[in-house]
Amino acid sequence: MHELGVVMEVVRVVEEFVRENDVEEVDTVVLQVGELSSMIPKYIYDVYPAAVDGTMLEKTKLDIEIIPGNGRCGNCETIFSVLQNHATCPNCQSTQFELLSGREFYIKEIVCY
């Protein structure tokens, strides 16, 4: 499970932002996670308390937004959900596609008081 290491890095980045911007208190950290990324939201939620324990983010909440895994068919240009359609274009049945989204992992927002 690599989520703990990644979430600890998120904590480090957020703490650095807080210090550099003289933020008094953080309420929520909002992450965006692509549904095709290697990060599993349930595990991120599970490790977050351990990652923030003893830090200035200890009392913060975590919110995760899922970015859908969308692809564009290389044959007919249809944009479709890669997971829902099992990596096959629902229009022409081609399996040739360009991945448009779904592998992201971002700190979207730091909600402060």
N, C-alpha and C. Protein backbone atom coordinates (compact mmCIF):
# COMPACT_ATOMS: atom_id res chain seq x y z
N MET A 1 0.85 -1.17 0.00
CA MET A 1 0.00 0.00 0.00
C MET A 1 0.90 1.25 0.00
N HIS A 2 0.94 1.93 -1.12
CA HIS A 2 1.77 3.12 -1.25
C HIS A 2 1.03 4.40 -0.88
N GLU A 3 -0.25 4.28 -0.57
CA GLU A 3 -1.05 5.45 -0.25
C GLU A 3 -0.50 6.24 0.94
N LEU A 4 -0.01 5.55 1.96
CA LEU A 4 0.50 6.25 3.14
C LEU A 4 1.63 7.20 2.76
N GLY A 5 2.59 6.74 1.98
CA GLY A 5 3.70 7.60 1.58
C GLY A 5 3.24 8.80 0.77
N VAL A 6 2.29 8.57 -0.12
CA VAL A 6 1.77 9.66 -0.95
C VAL A 6 1.01 10.65 -0.09
N VAL A 7 0.18 10.16 0.82
CA VAL A 7 -0.59 11.06 1.68
C VAL A 7 0.33 11.83 2.63
N MET A 8 1.40 11.21 3.09
CA MET A 8 2.37 11.93 3.92
C MET A 8 3.02 13.07 3.13
N GLU A 9 3.25 12.86 1.85
CA GLU A 9 3.79 13.93 0.99
C GLU A 9 2.75 15.03 0.81
N VAL A 10 1.48 14.67 0.67
CA VAL A 10 0.41 15.68 0.60
C VAL A 10 0.42 16.52 1.87
N VAL A 11 0.54 15.90 3.02
CA VAL A 11 0.59 16.61 4.29
C VAL A 11 1.77 17.58 4.30
N ARG A 12 2.92 17.12 3.85
CA ARG A 12 4.11 17.98 3.81
C ARG A 12 3.86 19.21 2.92
N VAL A 13 3.28 19.00 1.74
CA VAL A 13 3.02 20.09 0.81
C VAL A 13 2.01 21.08 1.39
N VAL A 14 0.95 20.56 1.99
CA VAL A 14 -0.08 21.43 2.59
C VAL A 14 0.51 22.21 3.76
N GLU A 15 1.30 21.57 4.60
CA GLU A 15 1.92 22.28 5.72
C GLU A 15 2.84 23.39 5.22
N GLU A 16 3.58 23.12 4.16
CA GLU A 16 4.45 24.14 3.58
C GLU A 16 3.62 25.32 3.07
N PHE A 17 2.51 25.03 2.40
CA PHE A 17 1.62 26.09 1.92
C PHE A 17 1.09 26.92 3.10
N VAL A 18 0.68 26.24 4.16
CA VAL A 18 0.13 26.91 5.33
C VAL A 18 1.16 27.87 5.93
N ARG A 19 2.39 27.39 6.09
CA ARG A 19 3.45 28.24 6.65
C ARG A 19 3.76 29.43 5.75
N GLU A 20 3.90 29.18 4.45
CA GLU A 20 4.27 30.25 3.51
C GLU A 20 3.19 31.31 3.36
N ASN A 21 1.93 30.95 3.64
CA ASN A 21 0.82 31.88 3.44
C ASN A 21 0.18 32.34 4.74
N ASP A 22 0.85 32.10 5.85
CA ASP A 22 0.36 32.53 7.16
C ASP A 22 -1.09 32.15 7.42
N VAL A 23 -1.44 30.93 7.04
CA VAL A 23 -2.79 30.43 7.28
C VAL A 23 -2.87 30.00 8.74
N GLU A 24 -3.95 30.40 9.40
CA GLU A 24 -4.08 30.07 10.82
C GLU A 24 -4.56 28.65 11.05
N GLU A 25 -5.58 28.24 10.28
CA GLU A 25 -6.12 26.90 10.52
C GLU A 25 -6.74 26.35 9.23
N VAL A 26 -6.51 25.08 8.99
CA VAL A 26 -7.06 24.39 7.82
C VAL A 26 -8.24 23.55 8.28
N ASP A 27 -9.34 23.64 7.54
CA ASP A 27 -10.52 22.84 7.85
C ASP A 27 -10.53 21.53 7.07
N THR A 28 -10.30 21.63 5.74
CA THR A 28 -10.44 20.47 4.86
C THR A 28 -9.36 20.49 3.79
N VAL A 29 -8.86 19.31 3.47
CA VAL A 29 -7.98 19.13 2.32
C VAL A 29 -8.79 18.37 1.28
N VAL A 30 -8.86 18.93 0.07
CA VAL A 30 -9.63 18.32 -1.00
C VAL A 30 -8.66 17.76 -2.04
N LEU A 31 -8.76 16.47 -2.30
CA LEU A 31 -7.94 15.82 -3.31
C LEU A 31 -8.80 15.43 -4.50
N GLN A 32 -8.19 15.43 -5.68
CA GLN A 32 -8.83 14.87 -6.86
C GLN A 32 -8.02 13.64 -7.25
N VAL A 33 -8.73 12.53 -7.40
CA VAL A 33 -8.09 11.25 -7.70
C VAL A 33 -8.75 10.65 -8.94
N GLY A 34 -7.95 10.35 -9.94
CA GLY A 34 -8.48 9.71 -11.15
C GLY A 34 -8.86 8.27 -10.87
N GLU A 35 -9.99 7.86 -11.43
CA GLU A 35 -10.46 6.49 -11.18
C GLU A 35 -9.55 5.44 -11.81
N LEU A 36 -8.65 5.85 -12.69
CA LEU A 36 -7.70 4.91 -13.29
C LEU A 36 -6.30 5.05 -12.68
N SER A 37 -6.16 5.90 -11.66
CA SER A 37 -4.86 6.08 -11.03
C SER A 37 -4.57 4.87 -10.13
N SER A 38 -3.36 4.81 -9.65
CA SER A 38 -2.99 3.70 -8.76
C SER A 38 -3.41 3.97 -7.32
N MET A 39 -3.99 5.13 -7.06
CA MET A 39 -4.41 5.49 -5.71
C MET A 39 -5.85 5.03 -5.47
N ILE A 40 -6.08 4.38 -4.36
CA ILE A 40 -7.41 3.86 -4.04
C ILE A 40 -8.02 4.75 -2.95
N PRO A 41 -9.12 5.45 -3.29
CA PRO A 41 -9.70 6.41 -2.33
C PRO A 41 -9.97 5.83 -0.94
N LYS A 42 -10.47 4.61 -0.86
CA LYS A 42 -10.74 4.02 0.46
C LYS A 42 -9.47 3.95 1.29
N TYR A 43 -8.37 3.57 0.66
CA TYR A 43 -7.10 3.47 1.38
C TYR A 43 -6.58 4.85 1.77
N ILE A 44 -6.82 5.84 0.91
CA ILE A 44 -6.41 7.21 1.24
C ILE A 44 -7.14 7.66 2.49
N TYR A 45 -8.47 7.44 2.53
CA TYR A 45 -9.24 7.78 3.72
C TYR A 45 -8.72 7.02 4.94
N ASP A 46 -8.39 5.75 4.75
CA ASP A 46 -7.93 4.93 5.87
C ASP A 46 -6.60 5.42 6.46
N VAL A 47 -5.66 5.85 5.60
CA VAL A 47 -4.34 6.24 6.10
C VAL A 47 -4.25 7.71 6.49
N TYR A 48 -5.23 8.51 6.11
CA TYR A 48 -5.17 9.95 6.40
C TYR A 48 -4.99 10.25 7.89
N PRO A 49 -5.75 9.62 8.79
CA PRO A 49 -5.55 9.91 10.22
C PRO A 49 -4.12 9.65 10.69
N ALA A 50 -3.50 8.60 10.21
CA ALA A 50 -2.11 8.30 10.60
C ALA A 50 -1.15 9.32 10.01
N ALA A 51 -1.41 9.77 8.78
CA ALA A 51 -0.52 10.73 8.12
C ALA A 51 -0.57 12.10 8.78
N VAL A 52 -1.72 12.50 9.32
CA VAL A 52 -1.84 13.83 9.93
C VAL A 52 -1.61 13.81 11.44
N ASP A 53 -1.50 12.64 12.02
CA ASP A 53 -1.31 12.52 13.47
C ASP A 53 -0.05 13.29 13.90
N GLY A 54 -0.24 14.20 14.86
CA GLY A 54 0.88 14.97 15.38
C GLY A 54 1.31 16.14 14.51
N THR A 55 0.56 16.44 13.46
CA THR A 55 0.89 17.55 12.57
C THR A 55 -0.12 18.68 12.77
N MET A 56 0.13 19.81 12.11
CA MET A 56 -0.82 20.93 12.20
C MET A 56 -2.12 20.63 11.47
N LEU A 57 -2.19 19.51 10.76
CA LEU A 57 -3.40 19.11 10.04
C LEU A 57 -4.20 18.05 10.78
N GLU A 58 -3.81 17.79 12.00
CA GLU A 58 -4.40 16.69 12.77
C GLU A 58 -5.93 16.75 12.87
N LYS A 59 -6.50 17.94 12.91
CA LYS A 59 -7.95 18.06 13.08
C LYS A 59 -8.68 18.34 11.76
N THR A 60 -7.98 18.20 10.66
CA THR A 60 -8.60 18.51 9.37
C THR A 60 -9.44 17.35 8.86
N LYS A 61 -10.34 17.69 7.94
CA LYS A 61 -11.14 16.69 7.24
C LYS A 61 -10.51 16.45 5.88
N LEU A 62 -10.81 15.31 5.31
CA LEU A 62 -10.34 14.96 3.96
C LEU A 62 -11.55 14.77 3.07
N ASP A 63 -11.48 15.35 1.89
CA ASP A 63 -12.54 15.17 0.89
C ASP A 63 -11.86 14.71 -0.39
N ILE A 64 -12.41 13.70 -1.03
CA ILE A 64 -11.84 13.18 -2.27
C ILE A 64 -12.88 13.27 -3.37
N GLU A 65 -12.49 13.89 -4.48
CA GLU A 65 -13.32 13.95 -5.67
C GLU A 65 -12.73 12.98 -6.70
N ILE A 66 -13.57 12.18 -7.31
CA ILE A 66 -13.11 11.20 -8.30
C ILE A 66 -13.21 11.81 -9.69
N ILE A 67 -12.10 11.73 -10.43
CA ILE A 67 -12.08 12.18 -11.82
C ILE A 67 -12.31 10.96 -12.70
N PRO A 68 -13.35 11.00 -13.54
CA PRO A 68 -13.65 9.82 -14.36
C PRO A 68 -12.55 9.53 -15.38
N GLY A 69 -12.40 8.26 -15.69
CA GLY A 69 -11.46 7.81 -16.71
C GLY A 69 -12.13 7.85 -18.07
N ASN A 70 -11.87 8.91 -18.81
CA ASN A 70 -12.49 9.07 -20.13
C ASN A 70 -11.46 8.89 -21.23
N GLY A 71 -11.90 8.30 -22.33
CA GLY A 71 -11.05 8.12 -23.49
C GLY A 71 -11.74 8.62 -24.74
N ARG A 72 -10.93 8.93 -25.76
CA ARG A 72 -11.46 9.32 -27.06
C ARG A 72 -11.10 8.22 -28.05
N CYS A 73 -12.12 7.69 -28.70
CA CYS A 73 -11.93 6.62 -29.66
C CYS A 73 -11.02 7.08 -30.80
N GLY A 74 -10.05 6.25 -31.12
CA GLY A 74 -9.13 6.55 -32.22
C GLY A 74 -9.76 6.33 -33.58
N ASN A 75 -10.90 5.69 -33.61
CA ASN A 75 -11.59 5.38 -34.86
C ASN A 75 -12.68 6.41 -35.19
N CYS A 76 -13.59 6.65 -34.23
CA CYS A 76 -14.74 7.52 -34.52
C CYS A 76 -14.77 8.79 -33.68
N GLU A 77 -13.77 9.00 -32.80
CA GLU A 77 -13.65 10.21 -31.98
C GLU A 77 -14.68 10.30 -30.85
N THR A 78 -15.45 9.27 -30.60
CA THR A 78 -16.40 9.28 -29.50
C THR A 78 -15.65 9.34 -28.17
N ILE A 79 -16.12 10.18 -27.25
CA ILE A 79 -15.56 10.23 -25.91
C ILE A 79 -16.42 9.34 -25.02
N PHE A 80 -15.76 8.45 -24.28
CA PHE A 80 -16.50 7.46 -23.48
C PHE A 80 -15.78 7.14 -22.19
N SER A 81 -16.52 6.57 -21.25
CA SER A 81 -15.96 6.10 -19.98
C SER A 81 -15.22 4.79 -20.24
N VAL A 82 -13.94 4.80 -19.97
CA VAL A 82 -13.10 3.62 -20.21
C VAL A 82 -13.53 2.45 -19.32
N LEU A 83 -13.79 2.72 -18.05
CA LEU A 83 -14.18 1.64 -17.13
C LEU A 83 -15.56 1.09 -17.44
N GLN A 84 -16.53 1.97 -17.59
CA GLN A 84 -17.91 1.52 -17.83
C GLN A 84 -18.04 0.74 -19.13
N ASN A 85 -17.18 1.04 -20.10
CA ASN A 85 -17.28 0.40 -21.40
C ASN A 85 -16.17 -0.63 -21.64
N HIS A 86 -15.48 -1.00 -20.56
CA HIS A 86 -14.44 -2.04 -20.63
C HIS A 86 -13.41 -1.74 -21.73
N ALA A 87 -12.99 -0.46 -21.81
CA ALA A 87 -11.96 0.01 -22.75
C ALA A 87 -12.34 -0.23 -24.21
N THR A 88 -13.65 -0.25 -24.47
CA THR A 88 -14.15 -0.45 -25.83
C THR A 88 -15.12 0.67 -26.17
N CYS A 89 -14.94 1.29 -27.33
CA CYS A 89 -15.83 2.38 -27.74
C CYS A 89 -17.26 1.86 -27.86
N PRO A 90 -18.21 2.53 -27.20
CA PRO A 90 -19.60 2.07 -27.28
C PRO A 90 -20.25 2.37 -28.64
N ASN A 91 -19.62 3.22 -29.43
CA ASN A 91 -20.18 3.58 -30.72
C ASN A 91 -19.75 2.62 -31.84
N CYS A 92 -18.43 2.33 -31.90
CA CYS A 92 -17.93 1.52 -33.03
C CYS A 92 -17.22 0.23 -32.59
N GLN A 93 -17.14 0.00 -31.28
CA GLN A 93 -16.52 -1.20 -30.69
C GLN A 93 -15.00 -1.26 -30.83
N SER A 94 -14.37 -0.17 -31.23
CA SER A 94 -12.91 -0.13 -31.33
C SER A 94 -12.30 -0.15 -29.93
N THR A 95 -11.13 -0.76 -29.82
CA THR A 95 -10.40 -0.74 -28.55
C THR A 95 -9.21 0.20 -28.62
N GLN A 96 -9.11 0.96 -29.69
CA GLN A 96 -8.04 1.95 -29.85
C GLN A 96 -8.57 3.29 -29.35
N PHE A 97 -7.95 3.81 -28.28
CA PHE A 97 -8.41 5.08 -27.74
C PHE A 97 -7.25 5.84 -27.11
N GLU A 98 -7.47 7.15 -26.98
CA GLU A 98 -6.53 8.02 -26.29
C GLU A 98 -7.13 8.32 -24.93
N LEU A 99 -6.37 8.12 -23.88
CA LEU A 99 -6.86 8.40 -22.54
C LEU A 99 -6.86 9.91 -22.31
N LEU A 100 -8.01 10.46 -21.97
CA LEU A 100 -8.15 11.90 -21.76
C LEU A 100 -8.05 12.29 -20.29
N SER A 101 -8.55 11.43 -19.42
CA SER A 101 -8.52 11.73 -17.98
C SER A 101 -8.67 10.43 -17.20
N GLY A 102 -8.29 10.52 -15.92
CA GLY A 102 -8.50 9.37 -15.04
C GLY A 102 -7.26 8.91 -14.30
N ARG A 103 -6.09 9.44 -14.64
CA ARG A 103 -4.87 9.04 -13.94
C ARG A 103 -4.36 10.13 -12.98
N GLU A 104 -5.12 11.19 -12.83
CA GLU A 104 -4.69 12.33 -12.05
C GLU A 104 -4.65 12.05 -10.54
N PHE A 105 -3.83 12.84 -9.88
CA PHE A 105 -3.82 12.90 -8.42
C PHE A 105 -3.38 14.31 -8.06
N TYR A 106 -4.32 15.12 -7.58
CA TYR A 106 -4.05 16.53 -7.30
C TYR A 106 -4.54 16.92 -5.92
N ILE A 107 -3.85 17.91 -5.35
CA ILE A 107 -4.41 18.64 -4.22
C ILE A 107 -5.24 19.73 -4.87
N LYS A 108 -6.54 19.60 -4.82
CA LYS A 108 -7.42 20.57 -5.48
C LYS A 108 -7.61 21.83 -4.66
N GLU A 109 -7.78 21.65 -3.36
CA GLU A 109 -8.16 22.80 -2.53
C GLU A 109 -7.74 22.57 -1.10
N ILE A 110 -7.37 23.66 -0.46
CA ILE A 110 -7.09 23.68 0.97
C ILE A 110 -8.07 24.67 1.57
N VAL A 111 -9.07 24.15 2.27
CA VAL A 111 -10.14 25.01 2.81
C VAL A 111 -9.69 25.49 4.19
N CYS A 112 -9.58 26.81 4.31
CA CYS A 112 -9.10 27.42 5.56
C CYS A 112 -10.23 28.15 6.26
N TYR A 113 -10.05 28.34 7.55
CA TYR A 113 -11.03 29.12 8.34
C TYR A 113 -10.86 30.59 8.03
